[in-house]
Amino acid sequence: MKNSLLRILLLSVTIFTAWEYSAGTILLGMDEKPYVYRVFVPGLARLLWLFGVRFVLALRIVVVLTALALFYVLEYLFTSFRRS
């Protein structure tokens, strides 16, 4: 129970932080200059944009999903060290 609550809390903080970070990058105008911070994120956002999602929302979704992927990769890394 305690582990699941901690995990939900960490996931919530990760999602909130990524959502606010993406808002900051959009406010700073980095959605107009995607090569400033990476090619991958705006490329995936453009792919979502082709499916009809507004670009700003698509960019925020991609940033949140990459943050969640980082969370799970780090979780897997830490648990693999505990096993050995």
PDB file of N, CA and C in Angstrom:
ATOM      1  N   MET A   1       0.823  -1.193   0.000  1.00  0.00           N
ATOM      2  CA  MET A   1       0.000   0.000   0.000  1.00  0.00           C
ATOM      3  C   MET A   1       0.866   1.256   0.000  1.00  0.00           C
ATOM      4  N   LYS A   2       1.882   1.268   0.846  1.00  0.00           N
ATOM      5  CA  LYS A   2       2.758   2.426   0.951  1.00  0.00           C
ATOM      6  C   LYS A   2       3.522   2.636  -0.354  1.00  0.00           C
ATOM      7  N   ASN A   3       4.011   1.551  -0.974  1.00  0.00           N
ATOM      8  CA  ASN A   3       4.732   1.663  -2.237  1.00  0.00           C
ATOM      9  C   ASN A   3       3.845   2.184  -3.347  1.00  0.00           C
ATOM     10  N   SER A   4       2.602   1.738  -3.409  1.00  0.00           N
ATOM     11  CA  SER A   4       1.707   2.186  -4.466  1.00  0.00           C
ATOM     12  C   SER A   4       1.348   3.660  -4.292  1.00  0.00           C
ATOM     13  N   LEU A   5       1.163   4.108  -3.061  1.00  0.00           N
ATOM     14  CA  LEU A   5       0.895   5.531  -2.829  1.00  0.00           C
ATOM     15  C   LEU A   5       2.094   6.385  -3.220  1.00  0.00           C
ATOM     16  N   LEU A   6       3.280   5.925  -2.876  1.00  0.00           N
ATOM     17  CA  LEU A   6       4.493   6.650  -3.242  1.00  0.00           C
ATOM     18  C   LEU A   6       4.646   6.698  -4.756  1.00  0.00           C
ATOM     19  N   ARG A   7       4.359   5.601  -5.404  1.00  0.00           N
ATOM     20  CA  ARG A   7       4.462   5.546  -6.866  1.00  0.00           C
ATOM     21  C   ARG A   7       3.460   6.495  -7.516  1.00  0.00           C
ATOM     22  N   ILE A   8       2.230   6.522  -7.020  1.00  0.00           N
ATOM     23  CA  ILE A   8       1.224   7.440  -7.552  1.00  0.00           C
ATOM     24  C   ILE A   8       1.649   8.887  -7.323  1.00  0.00           C
ATOM     25  N   LEU A   9       2.199   9.176  -6.169  1.00  0.00           N
ATOM     26  CA  LEU A   9       2.673  10.524  -5.889  1.00  0.00           C
ATOM     27  C   LEU A   9       3.802  10.916  -6.838  1.00  0.00           C
ATOM     28  N   LEU A  10       4.767  10.027  -7.034  1.00  0.00           N
ATOM     29  CA  LEU A  10       5.880  10.329  -7.936  1.00  0.00           C
ATOM     30  C   LEU A  10       5.408  10.489  -9.377  1.00  0.00           C
ATOM     31  N   LEU A  11       4.479   9.644  -9.806  1.00  0.00           N
ATOM     32  CA  LEU A  11       3.928   9.790 -11.156  1.00  0.00           C
ATOM     33  C   LEU A  11       3.181  11.104 -11.307  1.00  0.00           C
ATOM     34  N   SER A  12       2.442  11.492 -10.302  1.00  0.00           N
ATOM     35  CA  SER A  12       1.713  12.762 -10.348  1.00  0.00           C
ATOM     36  C   SER A  12       2.668  13.949 -10.441  1.00  0.00           C
ATOM     37  N   VAL A  13       3.699  13.910  -9.645  1.00  0.00           N
ATOM     38  CA  VAL A  13       4.698  14.991  -9.691  1.00  0.00           C
ATOM     39  C   VAL A  13       5.401  15.012 -11.046  1.00  0.00           C
ATOM     40  N   THR A  14       5.712  13.842 -11.594  1.00  0.00           N
ATOM     41  CA  THR A  14       6.361  13.768 -12.898  1.00  0.00           C
ATOM     42  C   THR A  14       5.472  14.347 -13.984  1.00  0.00           C
ATOM     43  N   ILE A  15       4.209  13.964 -13.982  1.00  0.00           N
ATOM     44  CA  ILE A  15       3.278  14.470 -14.996  1.00  0.00           C
ATOM     45  C   ILE A  15       3.103  15.980 -14.859  1.00  0.00           C
ATOM     46  N   PHE A  16       2.908  16.462 -13.635  1.00  0.00           N
ATOM     47  CA  PHE A  16       2.728  17.895 -13.423  1.00  0.00           C
ATOM     48  C   PHE A  16       3.959  18.689 -13.851  1.00  0.00           C
ATOM     49  N   THR A  17       5.133  18.211 -13.480  1.00  0.00           N
ATOM     50  CA  THR A  17       6.365  18.902 -13.846  1.00  0.00           C
ATOM     51  C   THR A  17       6.563  18.931 -15.354  1.00  0.00           C
ATOM     52  N   ALA A  18       6.319  17.811 -16.006  1.00  0.00           N
ATOM     53  CA  ALA A  18       6.468  17.762 -17.461  1.00  0.00           C
ATOM     54  C   ALA A  18       5.457  18.667 -18.145  1.00  0.00           C
ATOM     55  N   TRP A  19       4.230  18.702 -17.644  1.00  0.00           N
ATOM     56  CA  TRP A  19       3.189  19.550 -18.230  1.00  0.00           C
ATOM     57  C   TRP A  19       3.578  21.024 -18.110  1.00  0.00           C
ATOM     58  N   GLU A  20       4.059  21.411 -16.938  1.00  0.00           N
ATOM     59  CA  GLU A  20       4.478  22.803 -16.749  1.00  0.00           C
ATOM     60  C   GLU A  20       5.736  23.132 -17.552  1.00  0.00           C
ATOM     61  N   TYR A  21       6.668  22.190 -17.660  1.00  0.00           N
ATOM     62  CA  TYR A  21       7.862  22.401 -18.475  1.00  0.00           C
ATOM     63  C   TYR A  21       7.475  22.623 -19.933  1.00  0.00           C
ATOM     64  N   SER A  22       6.535  21.819 -20.407  1.00  0.00           N
ATOM     65  CA  SER A  22       6.119  21.984 -21.803  1.00  0.00           C
ATOM     66  C   SER A  22       5.442  23.325 -22.004  1.00  0.00           C
ATOM     67  N   ALA A  23       4.691  23.782 -21.020  1.00  0.00           N
ATOM     68  CA  ALA A  23       4.075  25.107 -21.123  1.00  0.00           C
ATOM     69  C   ALA A  23       5.153  26.181 -21.181  1.00  0.00           C
ATOM     70  N   GLY A  24       6.196  26.011 -20.407  1.00  0.00           N
ATOM     71  CA  GLY A  24       7.303  26.978 -20.420  1.00  0.00           C
ATOM     72  C   GLY A  24       8.023  27.011 -21.749  1.00  0.00           C
ATOM     73  N   THR A  25       8.241  25.863 -22.355  1.00  0.00           N
ATOM     74  CA  THR A  25       8.917  25.847 -23.656  1.00  0.00           C
ATOM     75  C   THR A  25       8.052  26.481 -24.726  1.00  0.00           C
ATOM     76  N   ILE A  26       6.740  26.292 -24.622  1.00  0.00           N
ATOM     77  CA  ILE A  26       5.845  26.918 -25.588  1.00  0.00           C
ATOM     78  C   ILE A  26       5.807  28.423 -25.373  1.00  0.00           C
ATOM     79  N   LEU A  27       5.743  28.862 -24.109  1.00  0.00           N
ATOM     80  CA  LEU A  27       5.714  30.292 -23.820  1.00  0.00           C
ATOM     81  C   LEU A  27       7.006  30.990 -24.239  1.00  0.00           C
ATOM     82  N   LEU A  28       8.115  30.280 -24.146  1.00  0.00           N
ATOM     83  CA  LEU A  28       9.387  30.868 -24.549  1.00  0.00           C
ATOM     84  C   LEU A  28       9.579  30.858 -26.058  1.00  0.00           C
ATOM     85  N   GLY A  29       8.643  30.261 -26.768  1.00  0.00           N
ATOM     86  CA  GLY A  29       8.717  30.263 -28.214  1.00  0.00           C
ATOM     87  C   GLY A  29       9.559  29.152 -28.799  1.00  0.00           C
ATOM     88  N   MET A  30       9.865  28.149 -28.018  1.00  0.00           N
ATOM     89  CA  MET A  30      10.695  27.076 -28.544  1.00  0.00           C
ATOM     90  C   MET A  30       9.940  26.167 -29.493  1.00  0.00           C
ATOM     91  N   ASP A  31       8.592  26.275 -29.522  1.00  0.00           N
ATOM     92  CA  ASP A  31       7.866  25.478 -30.499  1.00  0.00           C
ATOM     93  C   ASP A  31       8.109  25.997 -31.912  1.00  0.00           C
ATOM     94  N   GLU A  32       8.536  27.243 -32.036  1.00  0.00           N
ATOM     95  CA  GLU A  32       8.897  27.798 -33.339  1.00  0.00           C
ATOM     96  C   GLU A  32      10.320  27.429 -33.736  1.00  0.00           C
ATOM     97  N   LYS A  33      11.158  27.140 -32.750  1.00  0.00           N
ATOM     98  CA  LYS A  33      12.553  26.787 -33.005  1.00  0.00           C
ATOM     99  C   LYS A  33      12.854  25.420 -32.393  1.00  0.00           C
ATOM    100  N   PRO A  34      12.360  24.344 -32.980  1.00  0.00           N
ATOM    101  CA  PRO A  34      12.491  23.036 -32.322  1.00  0.00           C
ATOM    102  C   PRO A  34      13.914  22.526 -32.232  1.00  0.00           C
ATOM    103  N   TYR A  35      14.807  22.984 -33.085  1.00  0.00           N
ATOM    104  CA  TYR A  35      16.175  22.466 -33.038  1.00  0.00           C
ATOM    105  C   TYR A  35      16.967  23.039 -31.883  1.00  0.00           C
ATOM    106  N   VAL A  36      16.372  23.981 -31.166  1.00  0.00           N
ATOM    107  CA  VAL A  36      17.052  24.537 -30.001  1.00  0.00           C
ATOM    108  C   VAL A  36      17.191  23.485 -28.920  1.00  0.00           C
ATOM    109  N   TYR A  37      16.174  22.664 -28.722  1.00  0.00           N
ATOM    110  CA  TYR A  37      16.246  21.719 -27.617  1.00  0.00           C
ATOM    111  C   TYR A  37      16.233  20.259 -28.021  1.00  0.00           C
ATOM    112  N   ARG A  38      15.769  19.859 -29.185  1.00  0.00           N
ATOM    113  CA  ARG A  38      15.886  18.503 -29.718  1.00  0.00           C
ATOM    114  C   ARG A  38      15.042  18.395 -30.978  1.00  0.00           C
ATOM    115  N   VAL A  39      15.300  17.402 -31.756  1.00  0.00           N
ATOM    116  CA  VAL A  39      14.541  17.162 -32.973  1.00  0.00           C
ATOM    117  C   VAL A  39      13.417  16.157 -32.719  1.00  0.00           C
ATOM    118  N   PHE A  40      13.627  15.252 -31.808  1.00  0.00           N
ATOM    119  CA  PHE A  40      12.692  14.153 -31.567  1.00  0.00           C
ATOM    120  C   PHE A  40      11.330  14.637 -31.071  1.00  0.00           C
ATOM    121  N   VAL A  41      11.313  15.511 -30.089  1.00  0.00           N
ATOM    122  CA  VAL A  41      10.063  15.952 -29.471  1.00  0.00           C
ATOM    123  C   VAL A  41       9.174  16.696 -30.471  1.00  0.00           C
ATOM    124  N   PRO A  42       9.668  17.696 -31.174  1.00  0.00           N
ATOM    125  CA  PRO A  42       8.797  18.353 -32.147  1.00  0.00           C
ATOM    126  C   PRO A  42       8.406  17.442 -33.310  1.00  0.00           C
ATOM    127  N   GLY A  43       9.273  16.496 -33.648  1.00  0.00           N
ATOM    128  CA  GLY A  43       8.934  15.551 -34.716  1.00  0.00           C
ATOM    129  C   GLY A  43       7.741  14.689 -34.340  1.00  0.00           C
ATOM    130  N   LEU A  44       7.737  14.183 -33.109  1.00  0.00           N
ATOM    131  CA  LEU A  44       6.587  13.404 -32.640  1.00  0.00           C
ATOM    132  C   LEU A  44       5.341  14.278 -32.516  1.00  0.00           C
ATOM    133  N   ALA A  45       5.530  15.518 -32.095  1.00  0.00           N
ATOM    134  CA  ALA A  45       4.383  16.427 -31.992  1.00  0.00           C
ATOM    135  C   ALA A  45       3.799  16.707 -33.379  1.00  0.00           C
ATOM    136  N   ARG A  46       4.658  16.835 -34.367  1.00  0.00           N
ATOM    137  CA  ARG A  46       4.157  17.034 -35.732  1.00  0.00           C
ATOM    138  C   ARG A  46       3.399  15.807 -36.227  1.00  0.00           C
ATOM    139  N   LEU A  47       3.844  14.636 -35.813  1.00  0.00           N
ATOM    140  CA  LEU A  47       3.134  13.421 -36.193  1.00  0.00           C
ATOM    141  C   LEU A  47       1.726  13.424 -35.596  1.00  0.00           C
ATOM    142  N   LEU A  48       1.601  13.810 -34.341  1.00  0.00           N
ATOM    143  CA  LEU A  48       0.278  13.931 -33.734  1.00  0.00           C
ATOM    144  C   LEU A  48      -0.539  15.031 -34.412  1.00  0.00           C
ATOM    145  N   TRP A  49       0.120  16.107 -34.795  1.00  0.00           N
ATOM    146  CA  TRP A  49      -0.539  17.213 -35.479  1.00  0.00           C
ATOM    147  C   TRP A  49      -1.153  16.750 -36.803  1.00  0.00           C
ATOM    148  N   LEU A  50      -0.462  15.837 -37.479  1.00  0.00           N
ATOM    149  CA  LEU A  50      -1.001  15.301 -38.726  1.00  0.00           C
ATOM    150  C   LEU A  50      -2.292  14.515 -38.496  1.00  0.00           C
ATOM    151  N   PHE A  51      -2.459  13.992 -37.284  1.00  0.00           N
ATOM    152  CA  PHE A  51      -3.681  13.266 -36.948  1.00  0.00           C
ATOM    153  C   PHE A  51      -4.773  14.179 -36.407  1.00  0.00           C
ATOM    154  N   GLY A  52      -4.551  15.477 -36.431  1.00  0.00           N
ATOM    155  CA  GLY A  52      -5.590  16.430 -36.055  1.00  0.00           C
ATOM    156  C   GLY A  52      -5.481  17.046 -34.681  1.00  0.00           C
ATOM    157  N   VAL A  53      -4.442  16.728 -33.935  1.00  0.00           N
ATOM    158  CA  VAL A  53      -4.255  17.324 -32.606  1.00  0.00           C
ATOM    159  C   VAL A  53      -3.581  18.685 -32.784  1.00  0.00           C
ATOM    160  N   ARG A  54      -4.063  19.687 -32.047  1.00  0.00           N
ATOM    161  CA  ARG A  54      -3.409  21.001 -32.123  1.00  0.00           C
ATOM    162  C   ARG A  54      -1.933  20.859 -31.764  1.00  0.00           C
ATOM    163  N   PHE A  55      -1.075  21.628 -32.426  1.00  0.00           N
ATOM    164  CA  PHE A  55       0.366  21.434 -32.240  1.00  0.00           C
ATOM    165  C   PHE A  55       0.805  21.701 -30.805  1.00  0.00           C
ATOM    166  N   VAL A  56       0.261  22.732 -30.185  1.00  0.00           N
ATOM    167  CA  VAL A  56       0.665  23.057 -28.810  1.00  0.00           C
ATOM    168  C   VAL A  56       0.288  21.914 -27.868  1.00  0.00           C
ATOM    169  N   LEU A  57      -0.914  21.387 -28.024  1.00  0.00           N
ATOM    170  CA  LEU A  57      -1.325  20.257 -27.191  1.00  0.00           C
ATOM    171  C   LEU A  57      -0.494  19.018 -27.509  1.00  0.00           C
ATOM    172  N   ALA A  58      -0.208  18.794 -28.778  1.00  0.00           N
ATOM    173  CA  ALA A  58       0.612  17.647 -29.173  1.00  0.00           C
ATOM    174  C   ALA A  58       2.006  17.748 -28.563  1.00  0.00           C
ATOM    175  N   LEU A  59       2.572  18.932 -28.555  1.00  0.00           N
ATOM    176  CA  LEU A  59       3.895  19.129 -27.957  1.00  0.00           C
ATOM    177  C   LEU A  59       3.859  18.834 -26.463  1.00  0.00           C
ATOM    178  N   ARG A  60       2.820  19.285 -25.788  1.00  0.00           N
ATOM    179  CA  ARG A  60       2.714  19.026 -24.352  1.00  0.00           C
ATOM    180  C   ARG A  60       2.525  17.539 -24.075  1.00  0.00           C
ATOM    181  N   ILE A  61       1.732  16.860 -24.893  1.00  0.00           N
ATOM    182  CA  ILE A  61       1.514  15.424 -24.712  1.00  0.00           C
ATOM    183  C   ILE A  61       2.817  14.661 -24.883  1.00  0.00           C
ATOM    184  N   VAL A  62       3.601  15.016 -25.893  1.00  0.00           N
ATOM    185  CA  VAL A  62       4.871  14.326 -26.141  1.00  0.00           C
ATOM    186  C   VAL A  62       5.841  14.548 -24.992  1.00  0.00           C
ATOM    187  N   VAL A  63       5.906  15.753 -24.466  1.00  0.00           N
ATOM    188  CA  VAL A  63       6.808  16.030 -23.345  1.00  0.00           C
ATOM    189  C   VAL A  63       6.391  15.216 -22.120  1.00  0.00           C
ATOM    190  N   VAL A  64       5.102  15.144 -21.830  1.00  0.00           N
ATOM    191  CA  VAL A  64       4.629  14.361 -20.681  1.00  0.00           C
ATOM    192  C   VAL A  64       4.928  12.882 -20.892  1.00  0.00           C
ATOM    193  N   LEU A  65       4.691  12.364 -22.091  1.00  0.00           N
ATOM    194  CA  LEU A  65       4.952  10.947 -22.347  1.00  0.00           C
ATOM    195  C   LEU A  65       6.438  10.612 -22.257  1.00  0.00           C
ATOM    196  N   THR A  66       7.300  11.499 -22.720  1.00  0.00           N
ATOM    197  CA  THR A  66       8.735  11.228 -22.595  1.00  0.00           C
ATOM    198  C   THR A  66       9.181  11.290 -21.135  1.00  0.00           C
ATOM    199  N   ALA A  67       8.559  12.172 -20.348  1.00  0.00           N
ATOM    200  CA  ALA A  67       8.880  12.217 -18.919  1.00  0.00           C
ATOM    201  C   ALA A  67       8.425  10.937 -18.228  1.00  0.00           C
ATOM    202  N   LEU A  68       7.259  10.435 -18.599  1.00  0.00           N
ATOM    203  CA  LEU A  68       6.789   9.176 -18.031  1.00  0.00           C
ATOM    204  C   LEU A  68       7.688   8.015 -18.446  1.00  0.00           C
ATOM    205  N   ALA A  69       8.141   8.027 -19.686  1.00  0.00           N
ATOM    206  CA  ALA A  69       9.065   6.979 -20.136  1.00  0.00           C
ATOM    207  C   ALA A  69      10.356   7.038 -19.334  1.00  0.00           C
ATOM    208  N   LEU A  70      10.859   8.233 -19.092  1.00  0.00           N
ATOM    209  CA  LEU A  70      12.062   8.380 -18.275  1.00  0.00           C
ATOM    210  C   LEU A  70      11.824   7.851 -16.861  1.00  0.00           C
ATOM    211  N   PHE A  71      10.667   8.128 -16.299  1.00  0.00           N
ATOM    212  CA  PHE A  71      10.328   7.640 -14.968  1.00  0.00           C
ATOM    213  C   PHE A  71      10.384   6.118 -14.913  1.00  0.00           C
ATOM    214  N   TYR A  72       9.754   5.469 -15.883  1.00  0.00           N
ATOM    215  CA  TYR A  72       9.730   4.002 -15.868  1.00  0.00           C
ATOM    216  C   TYR A  72      11.094   3.392 -16.185  1.00  0.00           C
ATOM    217  N   VAL A  73      11.875   4.047 -17.010  1.00  0.00           N
ATOM    218  CA  VAL A  73      13.229   3.552 -17.287  1.00  0.00           C
ATOM    219  C   VAL A  73      14.089   3.643 -16.028  1.00  0.00           C
ATOM    220  N   LEU A  74      13.980   4.753 -15.321  1.00  0.00           N
ATOM    221  CA  LEU A  74      14.749   4.891 -14.077  1.00  0.00           C
ATOM    222  C   LEU A  74      14.273   3.907 -13.019  1.00  0.00           C
ATOM    223  N   GLU A  75      12.966   3.681 -12.952  1.00  0.00           N
ATOM    224  CA  GLU A  75      12.440   2.703 -12.009  1.00  0.00           C
ATOM    225  C   GLU A  75      12.971   1.304 -12.324  1.00  0.00           C
ATOM    226  N   TYR A  76      12.989   0.943 -13.586  1.00  0.00           N
ATOM    227  CA  TYR A  76      13.524  -0.357 -13.987  1.00  0.00           C
ATOM    228  C   TYR A  76      15.015  -0.450 -13.655  1.00  0.00           C
ATOM    229  N   LEU A  77      15.745   0.629 -13.900  1.00  0.00           N
ATOM    230  CA  LEU A  77      17.174   0.640 -13.610  1.00  0.00           C
ATOM    231  C   LEU A  77      17.428   0.435 -12.118  1.00  0.00           C
ATOM    232  N   PHE A  78      16.683   1.155 -11.277  1.00  0.00           N
ATOM    233  CA  PHE A  78      16.877   1.026  -9.835  1.00  0.00           C
ATOM    234  C   PHE A  78      16.493  -0.349  -9.326  1.00  0.00           C
ATOM    235  N   THR A  79      15.412  -0.922  -9.839  1.00  0.00           N
ATOM    236  CA  THR A  79      15.021  -2.257  -9.383  1.00  0.00           C
ATOM    237  C   THR A  79      15.988  -3.323  -9.871  1.00  0.00           C
ATOM    238  N   SER A  80      16.614  -3.119 -11.020  1.00  0.00           N
ATOM    239  CA  SER A  80      17.593  -4.115 -11.487  1.00  0.00           C
ATOM    240  C   SER A  80      18.843  -4.088 -10.617  1.00  0.00           C
ATOM    241  N   PHE A  81      19.193  -2.944 -10.061  1.00  0.00           N
ATOM    242  CA  PHE A  81      20.337  -2.896  -9.147  1.00  0.00           C
ATOM    243  C   PHE A  81      20.005  -3.534  -7.801  1.00  0.00           C
ATOM    244  N   ARG A  82      18.757  -3.426  -7.361  1.00  0.00           N
ATOM    245  CA  ARG A  82      18.362  -4.040  -6.091  1.00  0.00           C
ATOM    246  C   ARG A  82      18.369  -5.559  -6.161  1.00  0.00           C
ATOM    247  N   ARG A  83      18.075  -6.105  -7.345  1.00  0.00           N
ATOM    248  CA  ARG A  83      18.039  -7.564  -7.507  1.00  0.00           C
ATOM    249  C   ARG A  83      19.422  -8.193  -7.449  1.00  0.00           C
ATOM    250  N   SER A  84      20.430  -7.477  -7.922  1.00  0.00           N
ATOM    251  CA  SER A  84      21.760  -8.078  -7.988  1.00  0.00           C
ATOM    252  C   SER A  84      22.581  -7.867  -6.742  1.00  0.00           C
TER     253      SER A  84
END
